PDB file of N, CA and C in Angstrom:
ATOM      1  N   UNK A   1    -119.689  90.428-138.614  1.00  0.00           N
ATOM      2  CA  UNK A   1    -120.756  91.485-138.688  1.00  0.00           C
ATOM      3  C   UNK A   1    -121.778  90.708-139.176  1.00  0.00           C
ATOM      4  N   UNK A   2    -122.400  89.534-138.854  1.00  0.00           N
ATOM      5  CA  UNK A   2    -123.391  88.983-139.779  1.00  0.00           C
ATOM      6  C   UNK A   2    -124.703  89.325-139.455  1.00  0.00           C
ATOM      7  N   UNK A   3    -124.739  89.930-138.254  1.00  0.00           N
ATOM      8  CA  UNK A   3    -126.002  90.833-137.918  1.00  0.00           C
ATOM      9  C   UNK A   3    -126.202  91.814-139.116  1.00  0.00           C
ATOM     10  N   UNK A   4    -125.321  92.835-139.374  1.00  0.00           N
ATOM     11  CA  UNK A   4    -125.777  93.598-139.969  1.00  0.00           C
ATOM     12  C   UNK A   4    -126.240  93.474-142.000  1.00  0.00           C
ATOM     13  N   UNK A   5    -125.443  91.939-142.331  1.00  0.00           N
ATOM     14  CA  UNK A   5    -125.936  91.316-143.386  1.00  0.00           C
ATOM     15  C   UNK A   5    -128.021  91.293-142.904  1.00  0.00           C
ATOM     16  N   UNK A   6    -127.811  90.257-142.132  1.00  0.00           N
ATOM     17  CA  UNK A   6    -129.390  90.075-141.580  1.00  0.00           C
ATOM     18  C   UNK A   6    -130.392  91.357-141.659  1.00  0.00           C
ATOM     19  N   UNK A   7    -130.057  92.483-141.154  1.00  0.00           N
ATOM     20  CA  UNK A   7    -130.281  93.900-141.079  1.00  0.00           C
ATOM     21  C   UNK A   7    -130.767  94.195-142.467  1.00  0.00           C
ATOM     22  N   UNK A   8    -129.817  93.898-143.192  1.00  0.00           N
ATOM     23  CA  UNK A   8    -129.872  94.307-144.643  1.00  0.00           C
ATOM     24  C   UNK A   8    -131.005  93.157-145.231  1.00  0.00           C
ATOM     25  N   UNK A   9    -131.128  92.120-144.995  1.00  0.00           N
ATOM     26  CA  UNK A   9    -131.780  90.974-145.566  1.00  0.00           C
ATOM     27  C   UNK A   9    -133.440  91.259-145.302  1.00  0.00           C
ATOM     28  N   UNK A  10    -133.340  91.592-144.001  1.00  0.00           N
ATOM     29  CA  UNK A  10    -135.018  92.131-143.233  1.00  0.00           C
ATOM     30  C   UNK A  10    -135.270  93.567-143.940  1.00  0.00           C
ATOM     31  N   UNK A  11    -134.801  94.531-143.972  1.00  0.00           N
ATOM     32  CA  UNK A  11    -134.907  95.743-144.998  1.00  0.00           C
ATOM     33  C   UNK A  11    -135.471  95.308-146.297  1.00  0.00           C
ATOM     34  N   UNK A  12    -134.507  94.470-147.317  1.00  0.00           N
ATOM     35  CA  UNK A  12    -134.592  93.395-148.076  1.00  0.00           C
ATOM     36  C   UNK A  12    -135.962  93.031-148.615  1.00  0.00           C
ATOM     37  N   UNK A  13    -136.423  92.274-147.387  1.00  0.00           N
ATOM     38  CA  UNK A  13    -137.824  91.758-147.452  1.00  0.00           C
ATOM     39  C   UNK A  13    -138.583  92.802-147.266  1.00  0.00           C
ATOM     40  N   UNK A  14    -138.553  93.693-146.108  1.00  0.00           N
ATOM     41  CA  UNK A  14    -139.724  94.889-146.287  1.00  0.00           C
ATOM     42  C   UNK A  14    -139.890  95.280-147.849  1.00  0.00           C
ATOM     43  N   UNK A  15    -138.995  95.773-148.411  1.00  0.00           N
ATOM     44  CA  UNK A  15    -139.016  96.439-149.927  1.00  0.00           C
ATOM     45  C   UNK A  15    -139.882  95.133-150.817  1.00  0.00           C
ATOM     46  N   UNK A  16    -139.425  94.408-150.785  1.00  0.00           N
ATOM     47  CA  UNK A  16    -139.887  93.170-151.602  1.00  0.00           C
ATOM     48  C   UNK A  16    -141.209  93.286-151.339  1.00  0.00           C
ATOM     49  N   UNK A  17    -141.993  93.130-150.233  1.00  0.00           N
ATOM     50  CA  UNK A  17    -143.118  92.794-149.740  1.00  0.00           C
ATOM     51  C   UNK A  17    -143.945  94.195-150.175  1.00  0.00           C
ATOM     52  N   UNK A  18    -143.471  95.187-150.114  1.00  0.00           N
ATOM     53  CA  UNK A  18    -143.982  96.486-150.608  1.00  0.00           C
ATOM     54  C   UNK A  18    -143.984  96.716-152.095  1.00  0.00           C
ATOM     55  N   UNK A  19    -143.048  96.117-152.925  1.00  0.00           N
ATOM     56  CA  UNK A  19    -142.912  95.747-154.505  1.00  0.00           C
ATOM     57  C   UNK A  19    -144.314  95.373-155.327  1.00  0.00           C
ATOM     58  N   UNK A  20    -144.826  94.484-154.374  1.00  0.00           N
ATOM     59  CA  UNK A  20    -145.815  93.172-154.831  1.00  0.00           C
ATOM     60  C   UNK A  20    -147.052  93.942-155.224  1.00  0.00           C
ATOM     61  N   UNK A  21    -147.484  94.736-154.272  1.00  0.00           N
ATOM     62  CA  UNK A  21    -149.010  95.429-154.366  1.00  0.00           C
ATOM     63  C   UNK A  21    -149.061  96.334-155.651  1.00  0.00           C
ATOM     64  N   UNK A  22    -147.624  97.241-155.456  1.00  0.00           N
ATOM     65  CA  UNK A  22    -147.970  98.421-156.545  1.00  0.00           C
ATOM     66  C   UNK A  22    -147.441  97.781-157.730  1.00  0.00           C
ATOM     67  N   UNK A  23    -147.015  96.959-158.284  1.00  0.00           N
ATOM     68  CA  UNK A  23    -146.604  96.294-159.652  1.00  0.00           C
ATOM     69  C   UNK A  23    -147.845  95.602-160.058  1.00  0.00           C
ATOM     70  N   UNK A  24    -148.542  94.767-159.264  1.00  0.00           N
ATOM     71  CA  UNK A  24    -149.809  94.245-159.502  1.00  0.00           C
ATOM     72  C   UNK A  24    -150.688  95.272-160.005  1.00  0.00           C
ATOM     73  N   UNK A  25    -150.534  95.788-159.281  1.00  0.00           N
ATOM     74  CA  UNK A  25    -152.028  97.165-159.447  1.00  0.00           C
ATOM     75  C   UNK A  25    -151.764  97.659-160.572  1.00  0.00           C
ATOM     76  N   UNK A  26    -150.318  97.926-160.569  1.00  0.00           N
ATOM     77  CA  UNK A  26    -149.937  98.819-161.732  1.00  0.00           C
ATOM     78  C   UNK A  26    -150.581  98.079-163.165  1.00  0.00           C
ATOM     79  N   UNK A  27    -149.637  97.075-163.360  1.00  0.00           N
ATOM     80  CA  UNK A  27    -149.961  95.806-164.137  1.00  0.00           C
ATOM     81  C   UNK A  27    -151.794  95.349-164.460  1.00  0.00           C
ATOM     82  N   UNK A  28    -152.150  95.701-163.319  1.00  0.00           N
ATOM     83  CA  UNK A  28    -153.778  95.385-163.713  1.00  0.00           C
ATOM     84  C   UNK A  28    -154.688  96.845-164.176  1.00  0.00           C
ATOM     85  N   UNK A  29    -153.811  97.673-164.346  1.00  0.00           N
ATOM     86  CA  UNK A  29    -154.416  99.103-164.600  1.00  0.00           C
ATOM     87  C   UNK A  29    -154.976  99.789-163.492  1.00  0.00           C
ATOM     88  N   UNK A  30    -154.615  99.331-162.210  1.00  0.00           N
ATOM     89  CA  UNK A  30    -155.609 100.222-161.158  1.00  0.00           C
ATOM     90  C   UNK A  30    -154.983 100.815-160.165  1.00  0.00           C
ATOM     91  N   UNK A  31    -155.506 102.159-160.001  1.00  0.00           N
ATOM     92  CA  UNK A  31    -155.080 103.012-159.158  1.00  0.00           C
ATOM     93  C   UNK A  31    -154.875 102.331-157.838  1.00  0.00           C
ATOM     94  N   UNK A  32    -153.686 103.050-157.379  1.00  0.00           N
ATOM     95  CA  UNK A  32    -153.484 102.686-155.731  1.00  0.00           C
ATOM     96  C   UNK A  32    -152.628 103.650-155.121  1.00  0.00           C
ATOM     97  N   UNK A  33    -152.775 103.358-153.577  1.00  0.00           N
ATOM     98  CA  UNK A  33    -152.109 104.693-152.805  1.00  0.00           C
ATOM     99  C   UNK A  33    -150.491 104.485-153.018  1.00  0.00           C
ATOM    100  N   UNK A  34    -149.871 105.561-153.192  1.00  0.00           N
ATOM    101  CA  UNK A  34    -148.239 105.608-152.787  1.00  0.00           C
ATOM    102  C   UNK A  34    -148.035 106.840-152.171  1.00  0.00           C
ATOM    103  N   UNK A  35    -146.726 106.774-152.294  1.00  0.00           N
ATOM    104  CA  UNK A  35    -146.260 108.162-151.209  1.00  0.00           C
ATOM    105  C   UNK A  35    -146.475 109.630-151.572  1.00  0.00           C
ATOM    106  N   UNK A  36    -146.500 109.656-153.270  1.00  0.00           N
ATOM    107  CA  UNK A  36    -146.918 110.636-154.099  1.00  0.00           C
ATOM    108  C   UNK A  36    -148.092 111.078-154.141  1.00  0.00           C
ATOM    109  N   UNK A  37    -149.294 110.055-153.850  1.00  0.00           N
ATOM    110  CA  UNK A  37    -150.272 110.774-153.683  1.00  0.00           C
ATOM    111  C   UNK A  37    -150.828 111.916-152.994  1.00  0.00           C
ATOM    112  N   UNK A  38    -151.882 112.398-152.856  1.00  0.00           N
ATOM    113  CA  UNK A  38    -152.607 113.687-152.310  1.00  0.00           C
ATOM    114  C   UNK A  38    -154.085 113.024-151.623  1.00  0.00           C
ATOM    115  N   UNK A  39    -153.829 112.575-150.314  1.00  0.00           N
ATOM    116  CA  UNK A  39    -153.036 113.104-149.602  1.00  0.00           C
ATOM    117  C   UNK A  39    -151.974 111.890-149.364  1.00  0.00           C
ATOM    118  N   UNK A  40    -150.434 111.890-149.170  1.00  0.00           N
ATOM    119  CA  UNK A  40    -150.169 110.841-149.376  1.00  0.00           C
ATOM    120  C   UNK A  40    -150.174 109.656-148.562  1.00  0.00           C
ATOM    121  N   UNK A  41    -150.284 108.442-149.255  1.00  0.00           N
ATOM    122  CA  UNK A  41    -150.448 107.236-148.615  1.00  0.00           C
ATOM    123  C   UNK A  41    -151.709 107.240-148.553  1.00  0.00           C
ATOM    124  N   UNK A  42    -152.549 108.059-148.564  1.00  0.00           N
ATOM    125  CA  UNK A  42    -153.983 107.300-148.736  1.00  0.00           C
ATOM    126  C   UNK A  42    -154.568 107.851-150.212  1.00  0.00           C
ATOM    127  N   UNK A  43    -154.479 109.057-150.542  1.00  0.00           N
ATOM    128  CA  UNK A  43    -154.817 109.327-152.166  1.00  0.00           C
ATOM    129  C   UNK A  43    -154.545 108.189-152.935  1.00  0.00           C
ATOM    130  N   UNK A  44    -155.156 108.153-154.652  1.00  0.00           N
ATOM    131  CA  UNK A  44    -154.869 107.640-155.274  1.00  0.00           C
ATOM    132  C   UNK A  44    -153.781 107.663-156.437  1.00  0.00           C
ATOM    133  N   UNK A  45    -152.809 106.663-156.820  1.00  0.00           N
ATOM    134  CA  UNK A  45    -151.992 107.228-157.608  1.00  0.00           C
ATOM    135  C   UNK A  45    -151.869 106.260-159.264  1.00  0.00           C
ATOM    136  N   UNK A  46    -151.847 106.720-160.256  1.00  0.00           N
ATOM    137  CA  UNK A  46    -151.812 105.947-161.148  1.00  0.00           C
ATOM    138  C   UNK A  46    -151.323 104.957-161.251  1.00  0.00           C
ATOM    139  N   UNK A  47    -151.439 103.618-162.533  1.00  0.00           N
ATOM    140  CA  UNK A  47    -151.089 102.488-162.554  1.00  0.00           C
ATOM    141  C   UNK A  47    -149.778 102.763-162.888  1.00  0.00           C
ATOM    142  N   UNK A  48    -149.692 103.510-163.793  1.00  0.00           N
ATOM    143  CA  UNK A  48    -147.882 103.692-164.222  1.00  0.00           C
ATOM    144  C   UNK A  48    -147.146 104.181-163.243  1.00  0.00           C
ATOM    145  N   UNK A  49    -147.777 105.260-162.243  1.00  0.00           N
ATOM    146  CA  UNK A  49    -146.800 105.715-161.317  1.00  0.00           C
ATOM    147  C   UNK A  49    -146.805 104.257-160.426  1.00  0.00           C
ATOM    148  N   UNK A  50    -147.556 103.636-160.227  1.00  0.00           N
ATOM    149  CA  UNK A  50    -147.445 102.254-159.397  1.00  0.00           C
ATOM    150  C   UNK A  50    -146.412 101.375-159.568  1.00  0.00           C
ATOM    151  N   UNK A  51    -146.226 101.013-161.244  1.00  0.00           N
ATOM    152  CA  UNK A  51    -145.302 100.406-161.625  1.00  0.00           C
ATOM    153  C   UNK A  51    -144.399 100.897-161.167  1.00  0.00           C
ATOM    154  N   UNK A  52    -143.856 101.963-161.537  1.00  0.00           N
ATOM    155  CA  UNK A  52    -142.660 102.427-161.519  1.00  0.00           C
ATOM    156  C   UNK A  52    -142.348 102.482-159.808  1.00  0.00           C
ATOM    157  N   UNK A  53    -143.028 102.962-159.135  1.00  0.00           N
ATOM    158  CA  UNK A  53    -143.009 102.695-157.495  1.00  0.00           C
ATOM    159  C   UNK A  53    -142.659 100.978-157.184  1.00  0.00           C
ATOM    160  N   UNK A  54    -142.916 100.293-158.084  1.00  0.00           N
ATOM    161  CA  UNK A  54    -143.005  98.735-157.705  1.00  0.00           C
ATOM    162  C   UNK A  54    -141.601  98.492-157.875  1.00  0.00           C
ATOM    163  N   UNK A  55    -141.186  99.061-159.019  1.00  0.00           N
ATOM    164  CA  UNK A  55    -139.862  98.336-159.650  1.00  0.00           C
ATOM    165  C   UNK A  55    -138.637  99.417-158.894  1.00  0.00           C
ATOM    166  N   UNK A  56    -138.799 100.357-158.149  1.00  0.00           N
ATOM    167  CA  UNK A  56    -138.316 101.288-157.183  1.00  0.00           C
ATOM    168  C   UNK A  56    -137.547 100.485-156.447  1.00  0.00           C
ATOM    169  N   UNK A  57    -138.689  99.636-155.708  1.00  0.00           N
ATOM    170  CA  UNK A  57    -138.960  98.685-154.512  1.00  0.00           C
ATOM    171  C   UNK A  57    -138.139  97.770-154.489  1.00  0.00           C
ATOM    172  N   UNK A  58    -138.577  97.139-155.814  1.00  0.00           N
ATOM    173  CA  UNK A  58    -137.665  95.912-156.307  1.00  0.00           C
ATOM    174  C   UNK A  58    -136.212  96.012-156.322  1.00  0.00           C
ATOM    175  N   UNK A  59    -135.979  97.263-157.101  1.00  0.00           N
ATOM    176  CA  UNK A  59    -134.339  97.462-156.906  1.00  0.00           C
ATOM    177  C   UNK A  59    -133.576  97.959-155.742  1.00  0.00           C
ATOM    178  N   UNK A  60    -134.399  98.106-154.926  1.00  0.00           N
ATOM    179  CA  UNK A  60    -134.060  98.362-153.306  1.00  0.00           C
ATOM    180  C   UNK A  60    -133.783  97.229-152.499  1.00  0.00           C
ATOM    181  N   UNK A  61    -134.827  96.350-153.015  1.00  0.00           N
ATOM    182  CA  UNK A  61    -135.097  94.940-152.483  1.00  0.00           C
ATOM    183  C   UNK A  61    -133.637  94.407-152.887  1.00  0.00           C
ATOM    184  N   UNK A  62    -133.701  94.027-154.515  1.00  0.00           N
ATOM    185  CA  UNK A  62    -132.373  93.827-155.082  1.00  0.00           C
ATOM    186  C   UNK A  62    -130.995  93.771-154.334  1.00  0.00           C
ATOM    187  N   UNK A  63    -130.458  95.393-154.343  1.00  0.00           N
ATOM    188  CA  UNK A  63    -129.558  95.939-153.398  1.00  0.00           C
ATOM    189  C   UNK A  63    -129.026  95.242-152.244  1.00  0.00           C
ATOM    190  N   UNK A  64    -130.206  95.640-151.281  1.00  0.00           N
ATOM    191  CA  UNK A  64    -130.544  94.745-150.048  1.00  0.00           C
ATOM    192  C   UNK A  64    -130.177  93.492-149.748  1.00  0.00           C
ATOM    193  N   UNK A  65    -130.635  92.850-150.811  1.00  0.00           N
ATOM    194  CA  UNK A  65    -130.880  91.048-150.565  1.00  0.00           C
ATOM    195  C   UNK A  65    -129.431  90.245-151.128  1.00  0.00           C
ATOM    196  N   UNK A  66    -129.609  91.211-152.409  1.00  0.00           N
ATOM    197  CA  UNK A  66    -128.313  89.873-153.168  1.00  0.00           C
ATOM    198  C   UNK A  66    -126.656  90.547-153.429  1.00  0.00           C
ATOM    199  N   UNK A  67    -126.548  92.081-153.409  1.00  0.00           N
ATOM    200  CA  UNK A  67    -125.673  92.993-153.155  1.00  0.00           C
ATOM    201  C   UNK A  67    -124.827  93.292-151.938  1.00  0.00           C
ATOM    202  N   UNK A  68    -125.556  92.669-150.838  1.00  0.00           N
ATOM    203  CA  UNK A  68    -125.134  92.921-149.198  1.00  0.00           C
ATOM    204  C   UNK A  68    -124.438  90.962-148.667  1.00  0.00           C
ATOM    205  N   UNK A  69    -123.201  90.790-148.500  1.00  0.00           N
ATOM    206  CA  UNK A  69    -123.398  89.578-148.013  1.00  0.00           C
ATOM    207  C   UNK A  69    -123.279  88.759-148.908  1.00  0.00           C
ATOM    208  N   UNK A  70    -123.417  87.349-148.198  1.00  0.00           N
ATOM    209  CA  UNK A  70    -124.116  86.276-149.595  1.00  0.00           C
ATOM    210  C   UNK A  70    -125.147  85.652-149.185  1.00  0.00           C
ATOM    211  N   UNK A  71    -126.646  86.332-149.398  1.00  0.00           N
ATOM    212  CA  UNK A  71    -127.693  85.768-149.591  1.00  0.00           C
ATOM    213  C   UNK A  71    -127.689  84.174-149.679  1.00  0.00           C
ATOM    214  N   UNK A  72    -127.974  83.250-148.808  1.00  0.00           N
ATOM    215  CA  UNK A  72    -128.547  82.052-149.016  1.00  0.00           C
ATOM    216  C   UNK A  72    -129.679  81.977-148.901  1.00  0.00           C
ATOM    217  N   UNK A  73    -130.895  81.422-149.503  1.00  0.00           N
ATOM    218  CA  UNK A  73    -132.224  81.129-149.156  1.00  0.00           C
ATOM    219  C   UNK A  73    -132.167  79.809-148.455  1.00  0.00           C
ATOM    220  N   UNK A  74    -131.316  79.017-148.726  1.00  0.00           N
ATOM    221  CA  UNK A  74    -131.054  77.739-147.975  1.00  0.00           C
ATOM    222  C   UNK A  74    -130.729  77.980-146.637  1.00  0.00           C
ATOM    223  N   UNK A  75    -129.875  79.157-146.028  1.00  0.00           N
ATOM    224  CA  UNK A  75    -129.799  79.577-144.308  1.00  0.00           C
ATOM    225  C   UNK A  75    -131.268  79.657-143.887  1.00  0.00           C
ATOM    226  N   UNK A  76    -131.262  79.333-142.825  1.00  0.00           N
ATOM    227  CA  UNK A  76    -132.424  79.494-141.956  1.00  0.00           C
ATOM    228  C   UNK A  76    -132.383  81.139-141.455  1.00  0.00           C
ATOM    229  N   UNK A  77    -130.932  81.731-141.232  1.00  0.00           N
ATOM    230  CA  UNK A  77    -130.838  83.104-140.756  1.00  0.00           C
ATOM    231  C   UNK A  77    -131.310  84.049-141.803  1.00  0.00           C
ATOM    232  N   UNK A  78    -130.948  83.585-142.737  1.00  0.00           N
ATOM    233  CA  UNK A  78    -131.074  84.504-143.965  1.00  0.00           C
ATOM    234  C   UNK A  78    -132.271  84.738-144.294  1.00  0.00           C
ATOM    235  N   UNK A  79    -132.980  83.519-144.482  1.00  0.00           N
ATOM    236  CA  UNK A  79    -134.213  83.297-144.769  1.00  0.00           C
ATOM    237  C   UNK A  79    -135.471  84.052-143.810  1.00  0.00           C
ATOM    238  N   UNK A  80    -135.170  83.522-142.613  1.00  0.00           N
ATOM    239  CA  UNK A  80    -135.826  84.215-141.411  1.00  0.00           C
ATOM    240  C   UNK A  80    -135.523  85.544-141.381  1.00  0.00           C
ATOM    241  N   UNK A  81    -134.756  86.318-141.547  1.00  0.00           N
ATOM    242  CA  UNK A  81    -134.478  87.559-141.722  1.00  0.00           C
ATOM    243  C   UNK A  81    -135.290  88.334-142.846  1.00  0.00           C
ATOM    244  N   UNK A  82    -135.177  87.974-143.532  1.00  0.00           N
ATOM    245  CA  UNK A  82    -135.827  88.250-145.195  1.00  0.00           C
ATOM    246  C   UNK A  82    -137.522  87.874-144.929  1.00  0.00           C
ATOM    247  N   UNK A  83    -137.873  87.065-144.719  1.00  0.00           N
ATOM    248  CA  UNK A  83    -139.050  87.025-144.091  1.00  0.00           C
ATOM    249  C   UNK A  83    -139.873  87.340-142.895  1.00  0.00           C
ATOM    250  N   UNK A  84    -139.213  87.804-141.602  1.00  0.00           N
ATOM    251  CA  UNK A  84    -139.433  88.681-140.996  1.00  0.00           C
ATOM    252  C   UNK A  84    -139.755  90.322-141.309  1.00  0.00           C
ATOM    253  N   UNK A  85    -139.151  90.460-142.314  1.00  0.00           N
ATOM    254  CA  UNK A  85    -139.029  91.878-142.862  1.00  0.00           C
ATOM    255  C   UNK A  85    -140.014  92.014-143.998  1.00  0.00           C
ATOM    256  N   UNK A  86    -140.674  91.045-144.524  1.00  0.00           N
ATOM    257  CA  UNK A  86    -141.870  91.028-145.488  1.00  0.00           C
ATOM    258  C   UNK A  86    -143.014  91.188-144.427  1.00  0.00           C
ATOM    259  N   UNK A  87    -143.016  89.868-143.205  1.00  0.00           N
ATOM    260  CA  UNK A  87    -144.225  89.743-142.502  1.00  0.00           C
ATOM    261  C   UNK A  87    -144.803  91.109-142.008  1.00  0.00           C
ATOM    262  N   UNK A  88    -143.638  91.600-141.238  1.00  0.00           N
ATOM    263  CA  UNK A  88    -143.816  92.963-140.491  1.00  0.00           C
ATOM    264  C   UNK A  88    -144.128  94.180-140.756  1.00  0.00           C
ATOM    265  N   UNK A  89    -143.773  94.214-142.196  1.00  0.00           N
ATOM    266  CA  UNK A  89    -144.293  95.562-143.131  1.00  0.00           C
ATOM    267  C   UNK A  89    -145.566  94.951-143.678  1.00  0.00           C
ATOM    268  N   UNK A  90    -146.009  93.913-143.802  1.00  0.00           N
ATOM    269  CA  UNK A  90    -147.277  93.519-144.224  1.00  0.00           C
ATOM    270  C   UNK A  90    -148.395  93.574-143.985  1.00  0.00           C
ATOM    271  N   UNK A  91    -148.180  93.099-142.184  1.00  0.00           N
ATOM    272  CA  UNK A  91    -149.235  93.007-141.511  1.00  0.00           C
ATOM    273  C   UNK A  91    -149.230  94.452-141.164  1.00  0.00           C
ATOM    274  N   UNK A  92    -149.118  95.560-140.720  1.00  0.00           N
ATOM    275  CA  UNK A  92    -149.753  96.745-140.911  1.00  0.00           C
ATOM    276  C   UNK A  92    -150.242  97.359-141.994  1.00  0.00           C
ATOM    277  N   UNK A  93    -149.392  97.369-142.785  1.00  0.00           N
ATOM    278  CA  UNK A  93    -149.780  97.952-144.140  1.00  0.00           C
ATOM    279  C   UNK A  93    -151.195  97.238-144.665  1.00  0.00           C
ATOM    280  N   UNK A  94    -151.724  95.912-144.574  1.00  0.00           N
ATOM    281  CA  UNK A  94    -153.063  95.814-144.715  1.00  0.00           C
ATOM    282  C   UNK A  94    -153.805  96.134-143.995  1.00  0.00           C
ATOM    283  N   UNK A  95    -153.567  96.294-142.791  1.00  0.00           N
ATOM    284  CA  UNK A  95    -154.743  96.754-141.742  1.00  0.00           C
ATOM    285  C   UNK A  95    -154.977  98.684-142.294  1.00  0.00           C
ATOM    286  N   UNK A  96    -154.006  98.998-142.600  1.00  0.00           N
ATOM    287  CA  UNK A  96    -154.053 100.424-142.905  1.00  0.00           C
ATOM    288  C   UNK A  96    -154.364 100.550-144.417  1.00  0.00           C
ATOM    289  N   UNK A  97    -153.826  99.840-145.465  1.00  0.00           N
ATOM    290  CA  UNK A  97    -155.018  99.907-146.604  1.00  0.00           C
ATOM    291  C   UNK A  97    -155.953  99.420-146.979  1.00  0.00           C
ATOM    292  N   UNK A  98    -156.071  98.639-145.621  1.00  0.00           N
ATOM    293  CA  UNK A  98    -157.634  98.030-145.743  1.00  0.00           C
ATOM    294  C   UNK A  98    -158.949  98.839-145.833  1.00  0.00           C
ATOM    295  N   UNK A  99    -158.571  99.827-144.985  1.00  0.00           N
ATOM    296  CA  UNK A  99    -159.315 101.044-144.636  1.00  0.00           C
ATOM    297  C   UNK A  99    -159.810 101.346-145.938  1.00  0.00           C
ATOM    298  N   UNK A 100    -159.134 101.656-147.108  1.00  0.00           N
ATOM    299  CA  UNK A 100    -159.221 102.010-148.255  1.00  0.00           C
ATOM    300  C   UNK A 100    -159.904 101.544-149.308  1.00  0.00           C
ATOM    301  N   UNK A 101    -159.468  99.900-149.193  1.00  0.00           N
ATOM    302  CA  UNK A 101    -159.781  99.212-150.221  1.00  0.00           C
ATOM    303  C   UNK A 101    -160.530  97.934-150.086  1.00  0.00           C
ATOM    304  N   UNK A 102    -161.035  98.184-148.394  1.00  0.00           N
ATOM    305  CA  UNK A 102    -162.360  97.184-148.557  1.00  0.00           C
ATOM    306  C   UNK A 102    -162.000  95.636-147.895  1.00  0.00           C
ATOM    307  N   UNK A 103    -160.818  95.997-147.453  1.00  0.00           N
ATOM    308  CA  UNK A 103    -160.070  94.296-147.138  1.00  0.00           C
ATOM    309  C   UNK A 103    -160.041  94.315-145.455  1.00  0.00           C
ATOM    310  N   UNK A 104    -160.696  95.274-144.658  1.00  0.00           N
ATOM    311  CA  UNK A 104    -160.932  95.274-143.134  1.00  0.00           C
ATOM    312  C   UNK A 104    -162.216  94.891-142.836  1.00  0.00           C
ATOM    313  N   UNK A 105    -162.537  93.523-142.730  1.00  0.00           N
ATOM    314  CA  UNK A 105    -163.551  92.801-142.564  1.00  0.00           C
ATOM    315  C   UNK A 105    -164.170  92.909-141.537  1.00  0.00           C
ATOM    316  N   UNK A 106    -165.419  92.885-140.973  1.00  0.00           N
ATOM    317  CA  UNK A 106    -165.832  92.943-139.144  1.00  0.00           C
ATOM    318  C   UNK A 106    -166.509  91.881-139.463  1.00  0.00           C
ATOM    319  N   UNK A 107    -166.255  91.146-137.821  1.00  0.00           N
ATOM    320  CA  UNK A 107    -166.719  89.718-137.855  1.00  0.00           C
ATOM    321  C   UNK A 107    -166.129  89.074-136.941  1.00  0.00           C
TER     322      UNK A 107
END
């Protein structure tokens, strides 16, 4: 059932990609959108809450990537599953949050 492991790595990649902006924003002392803001996903949450949310995402990524099966970064199948999860979450979120943070440039 290797495909179940690949599904786990896909979602692990998504959680890993989601952790990055929250941890970085929090460490920079900047507010950023979280699911706990009002309205959810649009309002801003404190930098401390972003660090906590980012680390929760890192724990989820760890569990899905390193505790399911035998993830090997040298395995193309595993690396592609993880990379696709990260990419397919990152692209739509960049558009969504670009509305609030000035990232959707017209050109």
